N, C-alpha and C. Protein backbone atom coordinates (compact mmCIF):
# COMPACT_ATOMS: atom_id res chain seq x y z
N MET A 1 -22.61 -15.34 -50.82
CA MET A 1 -22.48 -13.83 -50.73
C MET A 1 -22.85 -13.57 -52.13
N ALA A 2 -23.82 -12.39 -52.39
CA ALA A 2 -24.01 -11.49 -53.30
C ALA A 2 -23.00 -11.12 -54.41
N GLU A 3 -23.34 -11.33 -55.89
CA GLU A 3 -22.18 -11.14 -57.11
C GLU A 3 -21.60 -9.51 -56.71
N GLY A 4 -20.71 -8.73 -57.17
CA GLY A 4 -20.75 -7.77 -57.59
C GLY A 4 -19.94 -6.47 -56.67
N ALA A 5 -19.17 -6.76 -55.26
CA ALA A 5 -18.94 -5.92 -54.85
C ALA A 5 -18.02 -4.93 -55.42
N GLY A 6 -17.05 -5.73 -55.94
CA GLY A 6 -15.91 -5.07 -57.09
C GLY A 6 -16.63 -3.55 -58.01
N ARG A 7 -18.19 -4.25 -58.19
CA ARG A 7 -18.63 -3.46 -59.17
C ARG A 7 -19.23 -2.21 -58.54
N ARG A 8 -20.41 -2.26 -57.74
CA ARG A 8 -21.15 -1.98 -57.04
C ARG A 8 -20.32 -0.88 -56.19
N ALA A 9 -19.72 -1.08 -55.96
CA ALA A 9 -19.02 -0.36 -54.59
C ALA A 9 -17.82 -0.16 -54.64
N GLY A 10 -17.26 0.93 -54.28
CA GLY A 10 -15.40 1.18 -53.86
C GLY A 10 -15.65 2.54 -53.46
N PRO A 11 -14.53 3.10 -53.11
CA PRO A 11 -14.05 4.30 -52.35
C PRO A 11 -13.76 5.27 -53.51
N GLY A 12 -14.21 6.14 -52.88
CA GLY A 12 -13.98 7.57 -53.71
C GLY A 12 -15.57 7.38 -54.98
N ARG A 13 -16.40 7.01 -54.66
CA ARG A 13 -17.38 6.98 -55.84
C ARG A 13 -18.64 8.42 -55.45
N ALA A 14 -18.50 8.45 -54.54
CA ALA A 14 -19.27 9.50 -54.70
C ALA A 14 -19.45 10.99 -55.19
N GLY A 15 -18.05 11.01 -55.53
CA GLY A 15 -17.90 12.31 -56.60
C GLY A 15 -18.56 13.49 -56.62
N PRO A 16 -17.62 14.21 -56.94
CA PRO A 16 -18.33 15.73 -57.11
C PRO A 16 -19.71 16.13 -56.68
N GLY A 17 -20.31 16.62 -55.88
CA GLY A 17 -21.76 17.16 -55.84
C GLY A 17 -22.78 15.86 -55.20
N ARG A 18 -22.08 14.72 -55.02
CA ARG A 18 -22.60 13.84 -53.91
C ARG A 18 -22.72 14.08 -52.55
N ARG A 19 -23.05 13.86 -51.86
CA ARG A 19 -23.19 13.37 -50.22
C ARG A 19 -21.54 13.69 -49.76
N GLY A 20 -21.11 14.41 -50.19
CA GLY A 20 -19.54 14.69 -50.01
C GLY A 20 -18.65 13.13 -49.64
N ALA A 21 -17.54 12.87 -50.15
CA ALA A 21 -16.76 12.00 -49.60
C ALA A 21 -16.27 12.43 -48.40
N LEU A 22 -16.22 11.15 -47.41
CA LEU A 22 -15.83 11.13 -45.65
C LEU A 22 -14.22 11.72 -46.11
N GLU A 23 -13.61 11.32 -46.85
CA GLU A 23 -12.17 11.57 -46.81
C GLU A 23 -11.29 11.09 -45.69
N VAL A 24 -12.03 9.91 -45.51
CA VAL A 24 -12.01 9.20 -44.39
C VAL A 24 -11.13 7.57 -44.95
N ARG A 25 -9.98 7.07 -44.61
CA ARG A 25 -9.34 6.04 -44.79
C ARG A 25 -10.29 4.85 -44.12
N LEU A 26 -10.61 3.88 -44.45
CA LEU A 26 -11.21 2.95 -43.52
C LEU A 26 -10.70 1.29 -43.92
N ALA A 27 -11.17 0.81 -42.55
CA ALA A 27 -11.02 -0.54 -42.73
C ALA A 27 -11.95 -1.12 -42.82
N LEU A 28 -11.80 -2.35 -43.39
CA LEU A 28 -13.93 -3.48 -43.17
C LEU A 28 -12.99 -4.73 -42.80
N ASP A 29 -13.80 -4.80 -41.55
CA ASP A 29 -14.22 -6.08 -41.02
C ASP A 29 -14.60 -6.94 -41.61
N THR A 30 -14.32 -8.37 -41.64
CA THR A 30 -14.92 -9.49 -42.38
C THR A 30 -16.67 -9.47 -42.24
N ASN A 31 -17.47 -9.17 -41.34
CA ASN A 31 -18.53 -8.68 -41.92
C ASN A 31 -18.84 -7.47 -42.40
N ALA A 32 -18.64 -6.68 -42.39
CA ALA A 32 -18.41 -5.25 -43.42
C ALA A 32 -18.11 -5.43 -44.77
N TYR A 33 -17.04 -6.43 -45.13
CA TYR A 33 -17.09 -6.90 -46.66
C TYR A 33 -18.25 -8.07 -46.96
N VAL A 34 -18.40 -8.68 -45.66
CA VAL A 34 -20.13 -9.41 -46.09
C VAL A 34 -21.29 -8.70 -46.48
N ASP A 35 -21.38 -7.91 -45.57
CA ASP A 35 -22.33 -6.57 -45.76
C ASP A 35 -22.20 -6.07 -47.25
N LEU A 36 -21.33 -5.49 -47.89
CA LEU A 36 -20.95 -5.02 -48.72
C LEU A 36 -21.16 -5.71 -50.23
N CYS A 37 -20.58 -6.77 -50.29
CA CYS A 37 -20.97 -7.89 -51.00
C CYS A 37 -23.20 -8.08 -51.07
N LYS A 38 -23.61 -8.04 -49.87
CA LYS A 38 -24.60 -8.18 -49.93
C LYS A 38 -25.83 -6.99 -50.54
N GLY A 39 -25.19 -5.91 -50.52
CA GLY A 39 -25.46 -4.24 -50.37
C GLY A 39 -26.24 -4.13 -49.75
N VAL A 40 -25.51 -4.53 -48.56
CA VAL A 40 -26.14 -3.47 -46.93
C VAL A 40 -26.12 -1.70 -47.29
N PRO A 41 -27.28 -1.25 -47.26
CA PRO A 41 -26.91 0.55 -47.67
C PRO A 41 -25.95 0.68 -46.79
N GLU A 42 -26.01 0.93 -45.67
CA GLU A 42 -25.08 1.60 -44.91
C GLU A 42 -23.81 1.44 -44.90
N THR A 43 -23.10 -0.03 -45.43
CA THR A 43 -22.09 -0.27 -45.50
C THR A 43 -21.65 0.16 -47.38
N VAL A 44 -22.59 0.09 -47.82
CA VAL A 44 -22.24 0.44 -49.61
C VAL A 44 -22.04 2.38 -49.42
N ASP A 45 -22.90 2.70 -48.57
CA ASP A 45 -22.79 4.05 -48.72
C ASP A 45 -20.72 4.66 -48.22
N VAL A 46 -20.66 3.90 -46.73
CA VAL A 46 -19.32 4.33 -46.10
C VAL A 46 -18.61 3.99 -47.09
N VAL A 47 -18.40 2.92 -47.48
CA VAL A 47 -17.17 2.31 -48.67
C VAL A 47 -17.41 3.73 -50.21
N GLU A 48 -18.26 3.87 -50.09
CA GLU A 48 -18.55 4.51 -51.74
C GLU A 48 -17.99 6.16 -51.22
N ARG A 49 -18.12 6.76 -49.54
CA ARG A 49 -17.76 7.93 -49.57
C ARG A 49 -16.34 8.04 -48.94
N ALA A 50 -15.42 6.73 -48.80
CA ALA A 50 -14.30 6.89 -48.41
C ALA A 50 -13.15 6.74 -49.35
N GLU A 51 -12.36 7.61 -48.75
CA GLU A 51 -11.29 8.08 -49.51
C GLU A 51 -10.33 6.60 -50.04
N THR A 52 -10.28 6.20 -49.39
CA THR A 52 -9.36 4.81 -49.86
C THR A 52 -10.28 3.21 -48.23
N VAL A 53 -9.87 2.21 -49.18
CA VAL A 53 -10.61 0.64 -48.31
C VAL A 53 -9.45 0.00 -48.16
N ALA A 54 -9.02 -0.72 -46.94
CA ALA A 54 -8.08 -1.68 -46.39
C ALA A 54 -9.12 -2.88 -45.73
N LEU A 55 -8.11 -3.92 -46.70
CA LEU A 55 -8.99 -4.94 -45.68
C LEU A 55 -7.77 -5.57 -45.25
N PRO A 56 -7.96 -6.02 -43.75
CA PRO A 56 -6.87 -6.37 -43.11
C PRO A 56 -6.74 -7.92 -43.54
N PHE A 57 -5.51 -8.18 -43.73
CA PHE A 57 -5.07 -9.62 -43.76
C PHE A 57 -5.65 -10.78 -43.20
N ALA A 58 -6.13 -10.50 -41.68
CA ALA A 58 -7.14 -11.51 -40.74
C ALA A 58 -8.29 -11.54 -41.32
N ALA A 59 -8.62 -10.36 -42.07
CA ALA A 59 -10.09 -10.26 -42.69
C ALA A 59 -10.56 -11.05 -43.73
N VAL A 60 -9.05 -11.35 -44.68
CA VAL A 60 -9.03 -11.73 -46.19
C VAL A 60 -9.06 -13.46 -45.68
N ALA A 61 -8.28 -13.74 -44.65
CA ALA A 61 -7.95 -15.20 -44.72
C ALA A 61 -9.28 -15.72 -43.97
N GLU A 62 -10.08 -14.54 -43.01
CA GLU A 62 -11.46 -15.11 -42.46
C GLU A 62 -12.49 -15.74 -43.94
N LEU A 63 -12.47 -14.28 -44.40
CA LEU A 63 -13.37 -14.83 -45.64
C LEU A 63 -12.99 -16.39 -46.30
N ARG A 64 -11.66 -16.12 -46.73
CA ARG A 64 -11.28 -17.27 -47.60
C ARG A 64 -11.37 -18.64 -46.56
N ALA A 65 -11.52 -18.49 -45.34
CA ALA A 65 -11.68 -20.01 -45.23
C ALA A 65 -13.15 -20.04 -45.07
N GLY A 66 -14.09 -18.95 -45.07
CA GLY A 66 -15.44 -19.10 -45.15
C GLY A 66 -15.59 -19.79 -46.54
N PHE A 67 -15.07 -19.20 -47.73
CA PHE A 67 -14.98 -19.74 -49.06
C PHE A 67 -15.04 -20.98 -48.98
N ALA A 68 -13.67 -21.31 -48.45
CA ALA A 68 -13.21 -23.08 -48.30
C ALA A 68 -14.63 -23.98 -47.75
N MET A 69 -15.35 -23.54 -47.07
CA MET A 69 -16.05 -24.07 -46.35
C MET A 69 -17.67 -24.16 -47.05
N GLY A 70 -17.85 -23.00 -47.98
CA GLY A 70 -18.84 -22.92 -48.56
C GLY A 70 -19.68 -23.60 -49.67
N ARG A 71 -20.86 -23.64 -50.48
CA ARG A 71 -20.68 -23.96 -52.06
C ARG A 71 -20.53 -23.15 -52.97
N ARG A 72 -20.28 -21.91 -52.46
CA ARG A 72 -20.02 -21.25 -53.94
C ARG A 72 -18.76 -20.00 -53.53
N SER A 73 -17.95 -20.98 -53.05
CA SER A 73 -16.20 -20.90 -53.21
C SER A 73 -15.90 -20.59 -54.02
N SER A 74 -15.33 -20.40 -55.59
CA SER A 74 -15.40 -19.97 -56.54
C SER A 74 -15.89 -19.01 -57.27
N GLU A 75 -16.85 -18.38 -57.23
CA GLU A 75 -17.92 -17.82 -57.14
C GLU A 75 -17.42 -16.25 -56.07
N ASN A 76 -17.33 -16.48 -54.76
CA ASN A 76 -16.62 -16.13 -53.78
C ASN A 76 -15.30 -15.44 -54.09
N GLU A 77 -14.52 -15.79 -54.46
CA GLU A 77 -13.21 -15.77 -54.65
C GLU A 77 -12.94 -14.76 -55.73
N ARG A 78 -14.03 -15.34 -56.97
CA ARG A 78 -13.87 -14.09 -58.02
C ARG A 78 -14.38 -12.86 -57.78
N THR A 79 -15.56 -12.52 -56.70
CA THR A 79 -15.89 -11.24 -56.03
C THR A 79 -14.69 -10.62 -55.24
N LEU A 80 -14.29 -11.27 -54.35
CA LEU A 80 -12.71 -10.84 -53.52
C LEU A 80 -12.13 -10.26 -54.29
N ARG A 81 -11.29 -11.03 -55.35
CA ARG A 81 -10.10 -10.25 -56.04
C ARG A 81 -10.76 -9.39 -56.70
N ARG A 82 -12.07 -9.22 -57.19
CA ARG A 82 -12.56 -8.38 -58.28
C ARG A 82 -12.63 -7.07 -57.22
N PHE A 83 -13.26 -6.99 -56.09
CA PHE A 83 -12.99 -6.28 -55.08
C PHE A 83 -11.60 -5.55 -54.69
N LEU A 84 -10.57 -6.59 -54.45
CA LEU A 84 -9.17 -5.89 -54.45
C LEU A 84 -8.42 -5.47 -55.70
N LEU A 85 -8.68 -5.68 -56.65
CA LEU A 85 -8.63 -4.71 -57.89
C LEU A 85 -9.34 -3.41 -58.21
N THR A 86 -9.98 -3.25 -57.37
CA THR A 86 -10.57 -2.05 -57.44
C THR A 86 -9.48 -0.98 -57.22
N GLU A 87 -9.31 0.42 -57.84
CA GLU A 87 -8.80 1.69 -57.47
C GLU A 87 -9.10 1.86 -55.83
N GLY A 88 -8.15 2.10 -55.28
CA GLY A 88 -7.90 2.67 -53.93
C GLY A 88 -8.72 1.66 -52.63
N VAL A 89 -8.67 0.22 -52.71
CA VAL A 89 -8.62 -0.89 -52.07
C VAL A 89 -7.24 -1.43 -51.62
N ARG A 90 -6.65 -2.12 -50.65
CA ARG A 90 -5.28 -2.59 -50.62
C ARG A 90 -5.94 -3.56 -49.44
N VAL A 91 -4.75 -4.19 -49.62
CA VAL A 91 -5.17 -5.99 -48.23
C VAL A 91 -3.70 -5.27 -47.50
N LEU A 92 -3.93 -5.14 -46.37
CA LEU A 92 -2.83 -4.69 -44.87
C LEU A 92 -2.20 -5.91 -44.08
N TYR A 93 -1.24 -5.83 -44.63
CA TYR A 93 -0.02 -7.00 -43.78
C TYR A 93 0.58 -6.55 -42.71
N PRO A 94 0.73 -7.23 -41.45
CA PRO A 94 1.46 -7.02 -40.21
C PRO A 94 2.96 -6.75 -40.85
N ASP A 95 3.85 -5.90 -39.89
CA ASP A 95 5.04 -5.75 -40.47
C ASP A 95 5.21 -5.74 -38.53
N ASP A 96 6.70 -5.17 -38.57
CA ASP A 96 7.57 -4.94 -37.32
C ASP A 96 6.53 -4.25 -36.14
N GLN A 97 6.17 -2.98 -36.98
CA GLN A 97 5.59 -2.06 -36.23
C GLN A 97 4.20 -2.44 -35.52
N THR A 98 3.58 -3.54 -36.29
CA THR A 98 2.34 -4.06 -36.21
C THR A 98 2.22 -4.50 -34.99
N SER A 99 3.37 -5.32 -34.67
CA SER A 99 3.62 -6.06 -33.48
C SER A 99 3.43 -5.36 -32.14
N HIS A 100 4.57 -4.33 -31.99
CA HIS A 100 4.05 -3.49 -31.27
C HIS A 100 2.59 -2.91 -30.98
N HIS A 101 1.95 -2.22 -31.80
CA HIS A 101 0.43 -2.03 -31.49
C HIS A 101 -0.33 -3.29 -31.45
N TYR A 102 -0.37 -4.76 -31.90
CA TYR A 102 -0.64 -5.30 -31.40
C TYR A 102 -0.62 -6.17 -29.51
N ALA A 103 0.85 -5.84 -29.45
CA ALA A 103 1.33 -5.95 -27.92
C ALA A 103 0.22 -4.72 -27.23
N ALA A 104 0.14 -3.76 -27.17
CA ALA A 104 -0.52 -3.11 -26.75
C ALA A 104 -2.14 -3.17 -26.83
N VAL A 105 -2.39 -3.81 -27.97
CA VAL A 105 -3.99 -3.95 -27.81
C VAL A 105 -3.88 -4.89 -26.94
N PHE A 106 -3.10 -5.97 -26.74
CA PHE A 106 -3.27 -7.47 -25.99
C PHE A 106 -3.32 -7.22 -24.99
N ARG A 107 -2.42 -6.06 -23.93
CA ARG A 107 -2.24 -5.80 -22.98
C ARG A 107 -3.42 -4.68 -22.25
N GLN A 108 -3.90 -4.37 -23.03
CA GLN A 108 -5.13 -3.71 -22.32
C GLN A 108 -6.57 -4.41 -22.59
N LEU A 109 -6.65 -4.94 -23.12
CA LEU A 109 -7.78 -6.31 -23.21
C LEU A 109 -7.90 -6.57 -22.11
N ARG A 110 -6.31 -7.30 -21.78
CA ARG A 110 -5.95 -8.25 -20.62
C ARG A 110 -6.20 -7.69 -19.53
N HIS A 111 -6.11 -6.37 -19.50
CA HIS A 111 -6.43 -5.95 -17.99
C HIS A 111 -7.50 -5.23 -18.08
N GLN A 112 -8.09 -4.87 -19.07
CA GLN A 112 -9.61 -4.70 -19.14
C GLN A 112 -10.74 -5.98 -18.44
N GLY A 113 -9.97 -7.10 -18.91
CA GLY A 113 -10.75 -8.04 -18.52
C GLY A 113 -11.53 -8.74 -20.05
N THR A 114 -11.14 -7.71 -21.00
CA THR A 114 -12.18 -8.16 -22.32
C THR A 114 -11.38 -8.78 -23.48
N PRO A 115 -11.25 -9.85 -23.48
CA PRO A 115 -10.32 -10.58 -24.75
C PRO A 115 -11.32 -10.30 -25.64
N ILE A 116 -11.03 -10.47 -27.19
CA ILE A 116 -11.44 -10.40 -28.10
C ILE A 116 -10.50 -11.62 -29.17
N PRO A 117 -11.46 -11.93 -30.08
CA PRO A 117 -10.57 -12.87 -30.78
C PRO A 117 -9.21 -12.23 -31.87
N THR A 118 -8.24 -13.53 -31.05
CA THR A 118 -6.99 -13.13 -32.11
C THR A 118 -7.44 -12.87 -33.41
N ASN A 119 -7.64 -13.21 -33.80
CA ASN A 119 -7.77 -11.98 -35.83
C ASN A 119 -8.14 -10.61 -35.56
N ASP A 120 -9.17 -10.43 -34.37
CA ASP A 120 -9.67 -9.02 -34.04
C ASP A 120 -8.59 -8.51 -33.98
N VAL A 121 -7.73 -8.63 -32.97
CA VAL A 121 -6.53 -8.10 -32.17
C VAL A 121 -5.70 -7.57 -33.41
N TRP A 122 -5.50 -8.55 -34.19
CA TRP A 122 -4.59 -8.14 -35.47
C TRP A 122 -5.38 -6.93 -36.17
N ILE A 123 -6.68 -7.16 -36.81
CA ILE A 123 -6.95 -6.00 -37.47
C ILE A 123 -6.90 -4.96 -36.31
N ALA A 124 -7.16 -4.58 -35.41
CA ALA A 124 -7.07 -3.38 -34.43
C ALA A 124 -5.78 -3.00 -34.46
N ALA A 125 -4.59 -3.86 -34.33
CA ALA A 125 -3.69 -3.24 -34.60
C ALA A 125 -3.28 -2.63 -35.70
N LEU A 126 -3.21 -3.23 -37.32
CA LEU A 126 -3.69 -2.74 -38.47
C LEU A 126 -4.06 -1.27 -38.34
N VAL A 127 -5.28 -0.97 -37.80
CA VAL A 127 -6.17 -0.11 -37.89
C VAL A 127 -5.27 1.26 -37.13
N LEU A 128 -4.75 0.61 -36.06
CA LEU A 128 -4.67 1.91 -35.03
C LEU A 128 -2.85 2.26 -35.61
N GLN A 129 -2.05 1.21 -36.48
CA GLN A 129 -0.67 1.35 -37.10
C GLN A 129 -1.09 2.32 -38.46
N HIS A 130 -2.12 2.26 -39.24
CA HIS A 130 -2.55 3.25 -40.52
C HIS A 130 -3.15 3.82 -40.05
N ASN A 131 -3.74 4.40 -38.58
CA ASN A 131 -4.84 5.65 -38.30
C ASN A 131 -5.78 5.58 -39.48
N LEU A 132 -6.48 4.29 -39.16
CA LEU A 132 -7.95 4.06 -40.23
C LEU A 132 -8.88 4.32 -39.64
N VAL A 133 -10.21 3.90 -39.92
CA VAL A 133 -11.51 4.03 -38.88
C VAL A 133 -11.74 2.78 -39.55
N LEU A 134 -12.78 2.11 -38.68
CA LEU A 134 -12.73 0.97 -38.85
C LEU A 134 -14.59 0.88 -39.16
N HIS A 135 -14.95 0.03 -39.88
CA HIS A 135 -16.17 -0.58 -40.35
C HIS A 135 -16.61 -1.76 -39.74
N SER A 136 -17.33 -2.39 -38.63
CA SER A 136 -17.43 -3.32 -38.37
C SER A 136 -18.76 -3.56 -37.83
N ARG A 137 -19.18 -4.96 -37.42
CA ARG A 137 -20.45 -5.00 -36.56
C ARG A 137 -19.98 -5.54 -35.25
N ASP A 138 -19.00 -5.90 -34.97
CA ASP A 138 -18.86 -6.92 -33.79
C ASP A 138 -18.73 -5.49 -32.75
N ARG A 139 -19.06 -5.96 -31.57
CA ARG A 139 -19.61 -4.88 -30.64
C ARG A 139 -18.37 -4.98 -29.62
N HIS A 140 -17.72 -6.33 -29.82
CA HIS A 140 -16.41 -6.04 -29.08
C HIS A 140 -14.95 -5.34 -29.09
N PHE A 141 -14.96 -4.67 -30.57
CA PHE A 141 -14.25 -3.51 -30.71
C PHE A 141 -14.49 -2.32 -29.66
N ASP A 142 -15.74 -2.31 -29.30
CA ASP A 142 -16.09 -1.11 -28.06
C ASP A 142 -15.13 -0.98 -27.13
N SER A 143 -14.55 -1.92 -27.04
CA SER A 143 -13.81 -2.23 -25.92
C SER A 143 -11.99 -1.46 -25.87
N LEU A 144 -12.18 -1.08 -27.23
CA LEU A 144 -11.22 -0.37 -27.53
C LEU A 144 -11.33 0.82 -28.24
N PRO A 145 -11.49 1.96 -27.03
CA PRO A 145 -12.18 3.26 -27.44
C PRO A 145 -11.08 4.15 -28.40
N GLN A 146 -9.67 3.86 -28.46
CA GLN A 146 -8.89 4.16 -29.55
C GLN A 146 -9.36 4.11 -30.97
N ILE A 147 -10.10 3.02 -31.37
CA ILE A 147 -9.62 2.75 -32.59
C ILE A 147 -11.75 3.48 -32.92
N LEU A 148 -10.87 4.02 -33.73
CA LEU A 148 -12.06 5.32 -34.39
C LEU A 148 -13.02 3.98 -35.14
N ARG A 149 -14.43 4.25 -35.15
CA ARG A 149 -15.63 3.43 -35.77
C ARG A 149 -16.73 4.25 -36.58
N THR A 150 -17.20 3.78 -37.63
CA THR A 150 -18.21 4.40 -38.41
C THR A 150 -19.26 4.00 -37.75
């Protein structure tokens, strides 16, 4: 993972006169955070133009699991911590209300016959609960039309 996610991009960096802030409250999936760290232009632009950025706890857990298995664990952890300290960035944790969204998403996916990974059900539930727009490359979120996507 490239160094500098916290310095290179952060919410609200579009500034006056730049291609306008989206005024979007954004959630990043795990792969979107990785893309941000790699400097993928589309992701950097979306994050810079967002009003706020949230990382669901499941994405943070997936990232840290990946760090634990990699050779640059300490570097990746420092980069994540720096990003999480960026103004306008926060981690989302589940609560009782989240569990109701989780159950509704789980039921919908089961009825549609389109299951998705459990961590992504948590991400979807938090996105719905907090009225966020999701940035992710995962196509299985297409099974949830109520999830707004970038």
